[in-house]
PDB file of all heavy atoms in Angstrom:
ATOM      1  N   ALA A   1     227.097 262.525  24.360  1.00  0.00           N
ATOM      2  CA  ALA A   1     226.724 262.441  22.946  1.00  0.00           C
ATOM      3  C   ALA A   1     227.482 263.447  22.098  1.00  0.00           C
ATOM      4  O   ALA A   1     227.765 263.189  20.918  1.00  0.00           O
ATOM      5  CB  ALA A   1     225.219 262.647  22.804  1.00  0.00           C
ATOM      6  N   GLU A   2     227.803 264.596  22.679  1.00  0.00           N
ATOM      7  CA  GLU A   2     228.561 265.598  21.927  1.00  0.00           C
ATOM      8  C   GLU A   2     229.960 265.107  21.572  1.00  0.00           C
ATOM      9  O   GLU A   2     230.619 265.668  20.690  1.00  0.00           O
ATOM     10  CB  GLU A   2     228.652 266.902  22.735  1.00  0.00           C
ATOM     11  CG  GLU A   2     227.322 267.620  22.943  1.00  0.00           C
ATOM     12  CD  GLU A   2     226.738 268.163  21.638  1.00  0.00           C
ATOM     13  OE1 GLU A   2     227.451 268.201  20.623  1.00  0.00           O
ATOM     14  OE2 GLU A   2     225.550 268.537  21.633  1.00  0.00           O
ATOM     15  N   ARG A   3     230.443 264.064  22.247  1.00  0.00           N
ATOM     16  CA  ARG A   3     231.770 263.504  21.966  1.00  0.00           C
ATOM     17  C   ARG A   3     231.699 262.305  21.025  1.00  0.00           C
ATOM     18  O   ARG A   3     232.705 261.635  20.806  1.00  0.00           O
ATOM     19  CB  ARG A   3     232.448 263.099  23.279  1.00  0.00           C
ATOM     20  CG  ARG A   3     232.790 264.293  24.172  1.00  0.00           C
ATOM     21  CD  ARG A   3     233.244 263.834  25.554  1.00  0.00           C
ATOM     22  NE  ARG A   3     233.812 264.915  26.342  1.00  0.00           N
ATOM     23  CZ  ARG A   3     233.106 265.810  27.021  1.00  0.00           C
ATOM     24  NH1 ARG A   3     231.774 265.735  27.007  1.00  0.00           N
ATOM     25  NH2 ARG A   3     233.695 266.764  27.706  1.00  0.00           N
ATOM     26  N   LEU A   4     230.486 262.019  20.522  1.00  0.00           N
ATOM     27  CA  LEU A   4     230.302 260.870  19.641  1.00  0.00           C
ATOM     28  C   LEU A   4     230.067 261.342  18.207  1.00  0.00           C
ATOM     29  O   LEU A   4     229.467 262.400  17.984  1.00  0.00           O
ATOM     30  CB  LEU A   4     229.105 260.034  20.107  1.00  0.00           C
ATOM     31  CG  LEU A   4     229.255 259.318  21.453  1.00  0.00           C
ATOM     32  CD1 LEU A   4     227.910 258.735  21.883  1.00  0.00           C
ATOM     33  CD2 LEU A   4     230.307 258.219  21.376  1.00  0.00           C
ATOM     34  N   PRO A   5     230.474 260.548  17.225  1.00  0.00           N
ATOM     35  CA  PRO A   5     230.235 260.925  15.826  1.00  0.00           C
ATOM     36  C   PRO A   5     228.800 260.671  15.367  1.00  0.00           C
ATOM     37  O   PRO A   5     228.406 261.132  14.293  1.00  0.00           O
ATOM     38  CB  PRO A   5     231.217 260.020  15.063  1.00  0.00           C
ATOM     39  CG  PRO A   5     231.384 258.814  15.932  1.00  0.00           C
ATOM     40  CD  PRO A   5     231.295 259.315  17.341  1.00  0.00           C
ATOM     41  N   ASP A   6     228.013 259.955  16.161  1.00  0.00           N
ATOM     42  CA  ASP A   6     226.665 259.547  15.774  1.00  0.00           C
ATOM     43  C   ASP A   6     225.686 260.709  15.949  1.00  0.00           C
ATOM     44  O   ASP A   6     225.412 261.136  17.077  1.00  0.00           O
ATOM     45  CB  ASP A   6     226.240 258.357  16.643  1.00  0.00           C
ATOM     46  CG  ASP A   6     224.844 257.864  16.305  1.00  0.00           C
ATOM     47  OD1 ASP A   6     224.284 258.309  15.282  1.00  0.00           O
ATOM     48  OD2 ASP A   6     224.318 257.040  17.068  1.00  0.00           O
ATOM     49  N   PRO A   7     225.093 261.252  14.853  1.00  0.00           N
ATOM     50  CA  PRO A   7     224.151 262.372  15.008  1.00  0.00           C
ATOM     51  C   PRO A   7     222.868 261.972  15.730  1.00  0.00           C
ATOM     52  O   PRO A   7     222.266 262.795  16.424  1.00  0.00           O
ATOM     53  CB  PRO A   7     223.866 262.793  13.559  1.00  0.00           C
ATOM     54  CG  PRO A   7     224.177 261.593  12.734  1.00  0.00           C
ATOM     55  CD  PRO A   7     225.292 260.885  13.441  1.00  0.00           C
ATOM     56  N   VAL A   8     222.447 260.693  15.597  1.00  0.00           N
ATOM     57  CA  VAL A   8     221.219 260.262  16.262  1.00  0.00           C
ATOM     58  C   VAL A   8     221.369 260.355  17.778  1.00  0.00           C
ATOM     59  O   VAL A   8     220.427 260.737  18.485  1.00  0.00           O
ATOM     60  CB  VAL A   8     220.843 258.824  15.828  1.00  0.00           C
ATOM     61  CG1 VAL A   8     219.653 258.308  16.638  1.00  0.00           C
ATOM     62  CG2 VAL A   8     220.521 258.788  14.346  1.00  0.00           C
ATOM     63  N   ALA A   9     222.555 260.031  18.296  1.00  0.00           N
ATOM     64  CA  ALA A   9     222.791 260.146  19.739  1.00  0.00           C
ATOM     65  C   ALA A   9     222.624 261.589  20.191  1.00  0.00           C
ATOM     66  O   ALA A   9     222.016 261.865  21.240  1.00  0.00           O
ATOM     67  CB  ALA A   9     224.187 259.637  20.080  1.00  0.00           C
ATOM     68  N   ARG A  10     223.132 262.537  19.397  1.00  0.00           N
ATOM     69  CA  ARG A  10     223.009 263.948  19.771  1.00  0.00           C
ATOM     70  C   ARG A  10     221.560 264.415  19.670  1.00  0.00           C
ATOM     71  O   ARG A  10     221.066 265.143  20.538  1.00  0.00           O
ATOM     72  CB  ARG A  10     223.925 264.803  18.893  1.00  0.00           C
ATOM     73  CG  ARG A  10     225.397 264.504  19.099  1.00  0.00           C
ATOM     74  CD  ARG A  10     226.285 265.603  18.526  1.00  0.00           C
ATOM     75  NE  ARG A  10     226.139 265.749  17.079  1.00  0.00           N
ATOM     76  CZ  ARG A  10     226.772 264.996  16.178  1.00  0.00           C
ATOM     77  NH1 ARG A  10     227.578 264.023  16.587  1.00  0.00           N
ATOM     78  NH2 ARG A  10     226.604 265.212  14.881  1.00  0.00           N
ATOM     79  N   ILE A  11     220.875 264.002  18.594  1.00  0.00           N
ATOM     80  CA  ILE A  11     219.474 264.421  18.426  1.00  0.00           C
ATOM     81  C   ILE A  11     218.628 263.928  19.596  1.00  0.00           C
ATOM     82  O   ILE A  11     217.884 264.698  20.223  1.00  0.00           O
ATOM     83  CB  ILE A  11     218.910 263.874  17.094  1.00  0.00           C
ATOM     84  CG1 ILE A  11     219.631 264.495  15.902  1.00  0.00           C
ATOM     85  CG2 ILE A  11     217.404 264.156  17.003  1.00  0.00           C
ATOM     86  CD1 ILE A  11     219.317 263.801  14.578  1.00  0.00           C
ATOM     87  N   ARG A  12     218.727 262.638  19.872  1.00  0.00           N
ATOM     88  CA  ARG A  12     217.889 262.063  20.934  1.00  0.00           C
ATOM     89  C   ARG A  12     218.245 262.628  22.301  1.00  0.00           C
ATOM     90  O   ARG A  12     217.357 262.862  23.137  1.00  0.00           O
ATOM     91  CB  ARG A  12     218.030 260.539  20.923  1.00  0.00           C
ATOM     92  CG  ARG A  12     217.421 259.890  19.698  1.00  0.00           C
ATOM     93  CD  ARG A  12     217.568 258.381  19.702  1.00  0.00           C
ATOM     94  NE  ARG A  12     216.900 257.780  18.552  1.00  0.00           N
ATOM     95  CZ  ARG A  12     216.880 256.479  18.299  1.00  0.00           C
ATOM     96  NH1 ARG A  12     217.501 255.625  19.116  1.00  0.00           N
ATOM     97  NH2 ARG A  12     216.246 256.006  17.244  1.00  0.00           N
ATOM     98  N   SER A  13     219.519 262.838  22.548  1.00  0.00           N
ATOM     99  CA  SER A  13     219.920 263.343  23.862  1.00  0.00           C
ATOM    100  C   SER A  13     219.398 264.763  24.078  1.00  0.00           C
ATOM    101  O   SER A  13     218.883 265.092  25.153  1.00  0.00           O
ATOM    102  CB  SER A  13     221.443 263.302  23.999  1.00  0.00           C
ATOM    103  OG  SER A  13     221.903 261.972  23.985  1.00  0.00           O
ATOM    104  N   HIS A  14     219.502 265.626  23.060  1.00  0.00           N
ATOM    105  CA  HIS A  14     218.959 266.986  23.196  1.00  0.00           C
ATOM    106  C   HIS A  14     217.440 266.953  23.324  1.00  0.00           C
ATOM    107  O   HIS A  14     216.850 267.701  24.124  1.00  0.00           O
ATOM    108  CB  HIS A  14     219.371 267.842  21.994  1.00  0.00           C
ATOM    109  CG  HIS A  14     220.752 268.408  22.102  1.00  0.00           C
ATOM    110  ND1 HIS A  14     221.074 269.410  22.989  1.00  0.00           N
ATOM    111  CD2 HIS A  14     221.906 268.090  21.443  1.00  0.00           C
ATOM    112  CE1 HIS A  14     222.369 269.714  22.867  1.00  0.00           C
ATOM    113  NE2 HIS A  14     222.896 268.915  21.942  1.00  0.00           N
ATOM    114  N   ARG A  15     216.800 266.080  22.540  1.00  0.00           N
ATOM    115  CA  ARG A  15     215.336 266.007  22.611  1.00  0.00           C
ATOM    116  C   ARG A  15     214.858 265.592  23.989  1.00  0.00           C
ATOM    117  O   ARG A  15     213.940 266.206  24.562  1.00  0.00           O
ATOM    118  CB  ARG A  15     214.823 265.024  21.549  1.00  0.00           C
ATOM    119  CG  ARG A  15     213.338 264.673  21.687  1.00  0.00           C
ATOM    120  CD  ARG A  15     212.788 263.985  20.469  1.00  0.00           C
ATOM    121  NE  ARG A  15     213.519 262.802  20.079  1.00  0.00           N
ATOM    122  CZ  ARG A  15     213.336 261.587  20.614  1.00  0.00           C
ATOM    123  NH1 ARG A  15     212.471 261.425  21.600  1.00  0.00           N
ATOM    124  NH2 ARG A  15     214.021 260.556  20.175  1.00  0.00           N
ATOM    125  N   LEU A  16     215.486 264.566  24.533  1.00  0.00           N
ATOM    126  CA  LEU A  16     214.994 264.049  25.811  1.00  0.00           C
ATOM    127  C   LEU A  16     215.477 264.887  26.984  1.00  0.00           C
ATOM    128  O   LEU A  16     214.825 264.911  28.034  1.00  0.00           O
ATOM    129  CB  LEU A  16     215.394 262.584  25.949  1.00  0.00           C
ATOM    130  CG  LEU A  16     214.709 261.699  24.885  1.00  0.00           C
ATOM    131  CD1 LEU A  16     215.240 260.277  24.923  1.00  0.00           C
ATOM    132  CD2 LEU A  16     213.202 261.711  25.070  1.00  0.00           C
ATOM    133  N   LEU A  17     216.579 265.620  26.820  1.00  0.00           N
ATOM    134  CA  LEU A  17     216.932 266.601  27.848  1.00  0.00           C
ATOM    135  C   LEU A  17     215.916 267.742  27.841  1.00  0.00           C
ATOM    136  O   LEU A  17     215.496 268.233  28.899  1.00  0.00           O
ATOM    137  CB  LEU A  17     218.343 267.134  27.621  1.00  0.00           C
ATOM    138  CG  LEU A  17     218.798 268.230  28.595  1.00  0.00           C
ATOM    139  CD1 LEU A  17     218.702 267.762  30.049  1.00  0.00           C
ATOM    140  CD2 LEU A  17     220.229 268.675  28.278  1.00  0.00           C
ATOM    141  N   GLY A  18     215.490 268.142  26.646  1.00  0.00           N
ATOM    142  CA  GLY A  18     214.436 269.151  26.577  1.00  0.00           C
ATOM    143  C   GLY A  18     213.160 268.677  27.244  1.00  0.00           C
ATOM    144  O   GLY A  18     212.487 269.433  27.956  1.00  0.00           O
ATOM    145  N   ASP A  19     212.815 267.420  27.035  1.00  0.00           N
ATOM    146  CA  ASP A  19     211.624 266.844  27.665  1.00  0.00           C
ATOM    147  C   ASP A  19     211.760 266.875  29.189  1.00  0.00           C
ATOM    148  O   ASP A  19     210.796 267.180  29.907  1.00  0.00           O
ATOM    149  CB  ASP A  19     211.452 265.415  27.158  1.00  0.00           C
ATOM    150  CG  ASP A  19     210.102 264.828  27.514  1.00  0.00           C
ATOM    151  OD1 ASP A  19     209.129 265.585  27.650  1.00  0.00           O
ATOM    152  OD2 ASP A  19     210.018 263.594  27.666  1.00  0.00           O
ATOM    153  N   ALA A  20     212.958 266.552  29.701  1.00  0.00           N
ATOM    154  CA  ALA A  20     213.172 266.552  31.148  1.00  0.00           C
ATOM    155  C   ALA A  20     213.042 267.959  31.717  1.00  0.00           C
ATOM    156  O   ALA A  20     212.455 268.161  32.794  1.00  0.00           O
ATOM    157  CB  ALA A  20     214.554 265.971  31.464  1.00  0.00           C
ATOM    158  N   HIS A  21     213.584 268.957  31.009  1.00  0.00           N
ATOM    159  CA  HIS A  21     213.416 270.345  31.460  1.00  0.00           C
ATOM    160  C   HIS A  21     211.941 270.732  31.457  1.00  0.00           C
ATOM    161  O   HIS A  21     211.456 271.412  32.383  1.00  0.00           O
ATOM    162  CB  HIS A  21     214.198 271.292  30.543  1.00  0.00           C
ATOM    163  CG  HIS A  21     215.657 271.396  30.858  1.00  0.00           C
ATOM    164  ND1 HIS A  21     216.130 271.860  32.070  1.00  0.00           N
ATOM    165  CD2 HIS A  21     216.766 271.104  30.119  1.00  0.00           C
ATOM    166  CE1 HIS A  21     217.455 271.860  32.067  1.00  0.00           C
ATOM    167  NE2 HIS A  21     217.870 271.395  30.900  1.00  0.00           N
ATOM    168  N   ALA A  22     211.214 270.309  30.434  1.00  0.00           N
ATOM    169  CA  ALA A  22     209.793 270.652  30.348  1.00  0.00           C
ATOM    170  C   ALA A  22     209.004 270.068  31.509  1.00  0.00           C
ATOM    171  O   ALA A  22     208.110 270.718  32.064  1.00  0.00           O
ATOM    172  CB  ALA A  22     209.227 270.155  29.019  1.00  0.00           C
ATOM    173  N   ASP A  23     209.320 268.826  31.891  1.00  0.00           N
ATOM    174  CA  ASP A  23     208.612 268.192  33.007  1.00  0.00           C
ATOM    175  C   ASP A  23     208.794 268.967  34.304  1.00  0.00           C
ATOM    176  O   ASP A  23     207.949 268.886  35.207  1.00  0.00           O
ATOM    177  CB  ASP A  23     209.113 266.755  33.197  1.00  0.00           C
ATOM    178  CG  ASP A  23     208.436 265.784  32.242  1.00  0.00           C
ATOM    179  OD1 ASP A  23     207.406 266.165  31.645  1.00  0.00           O
ATOM    180  OD2 ASP A  23     208.939 264.657  32.087  1.00  0.00           O
ATOM    181  N   LEU A  24     209.895 269.685  34.416  1.00  0.00           N
ATOM    182  CA  LEU A  24     210.151 270.477  35.620  1.00  0.00           C
ATOM    183  C   LEU A  24     209.725 271.931  35.452  1.00  0.00           C
ATOM    184  O   LEU A  24     210.059 272.783  36.287  1.00  0.00           O
ATOM    185  CB  LEU A  24     211.635 270.398  35.987  1.00  0.00           C
ATOM    186  CG  LEU A  24     212.082 269.029  36.515  1.00  0.00           C
ATOM    187  CD1 LEU A  24     213.600 268.933  36.567  1.00  0.00           C
ATOM    188  CD2 LEU A  24     211.493 268.766  37.897  1.00  0.00           C
ATOM    189  N   GLY A  25     209.022 272.237  34.352  1.00  0.00           N
ATOM    190  CA  GLY A  25     208.517 273.588  34.142  1.00  0.00           C
ATOM    191  C   GLY A  25     209.572 274.577  33.691  1.00  0.00           C
ATOM    192  O   GLY A  25     209.352 275.795  33.775  1.00  0.00           O
ATOM    193  N   GLN A  26     210.693 274.102  33.191  1.00  0.00           N
ATOM    194  CA  GLN A  26     211.789 274.982  32.755  1.00  0.00           C
ATOM    195  C   GLN A  26     211.640 275.203  31.248  1.00  0.00           C
ATOM    196  O   GLN A  26     212.344 274.613  30.424  1.00  0.00           O
ATOM    197  CB  GLN A  26     213.130 274.348  33.131  1.00  0.00           C
ATOM    198  CG  GLN A  26     213.280 274.153  34.629  1.00  0.00           C
ATOM    199  CD  GLN A  26     214.449 273.246  35.017  1.00  0.00           C
ATOM    200  OE1 GLN A  26     215.205 272.792  34.163  1.00  0.00           O
ATOM    201  NE2 GLN A  26     214.584 272.976  36.307  1.00  0.00           N
ATOM    202  N   HIS A  27     210.713 276.085  30.898  1.00  0.00           N
ATOM    203  CA  HIS A  27     210.257 276.227  29.515  1.00  0.00           C
ATOM    204  C   HIS A  27     211.372 276.662  28.570  1.00  0.00           C
ATOM    205  O   HIS A  27     211.581 276.054  27.507  1.00  0.00           O
ATOM    206  CB  HIS A  27     209.097 277.224  29.457  1.00  0.00           C
ATOM    207  CG  HIS A  27     208.584 277.480  28.083  1.00  0.00           C
ATOM    208  ND1 HIS A  27     207.772 276.594  27.413  1.00  0.00           N
ATOM    209  CD2 HIS A  27     208.781 278.536  27.236  1.00  0.00           C
ATOM    210  CE1 HIS A  27     207.484 277.080  26.218  1.00  0.00           C
ATOM    211  NE2 HIS A  27     208.085 278.258  26.083  1.00  0.00           N
TER     212      HIS A  27
END
């Protein structure tokens, strides 16, 4: 997503990567 011009791709990718870290307790 960082290589794409679309800001929504970057927003969603960071958000859901954060969610994945949270599920593993990586606060």
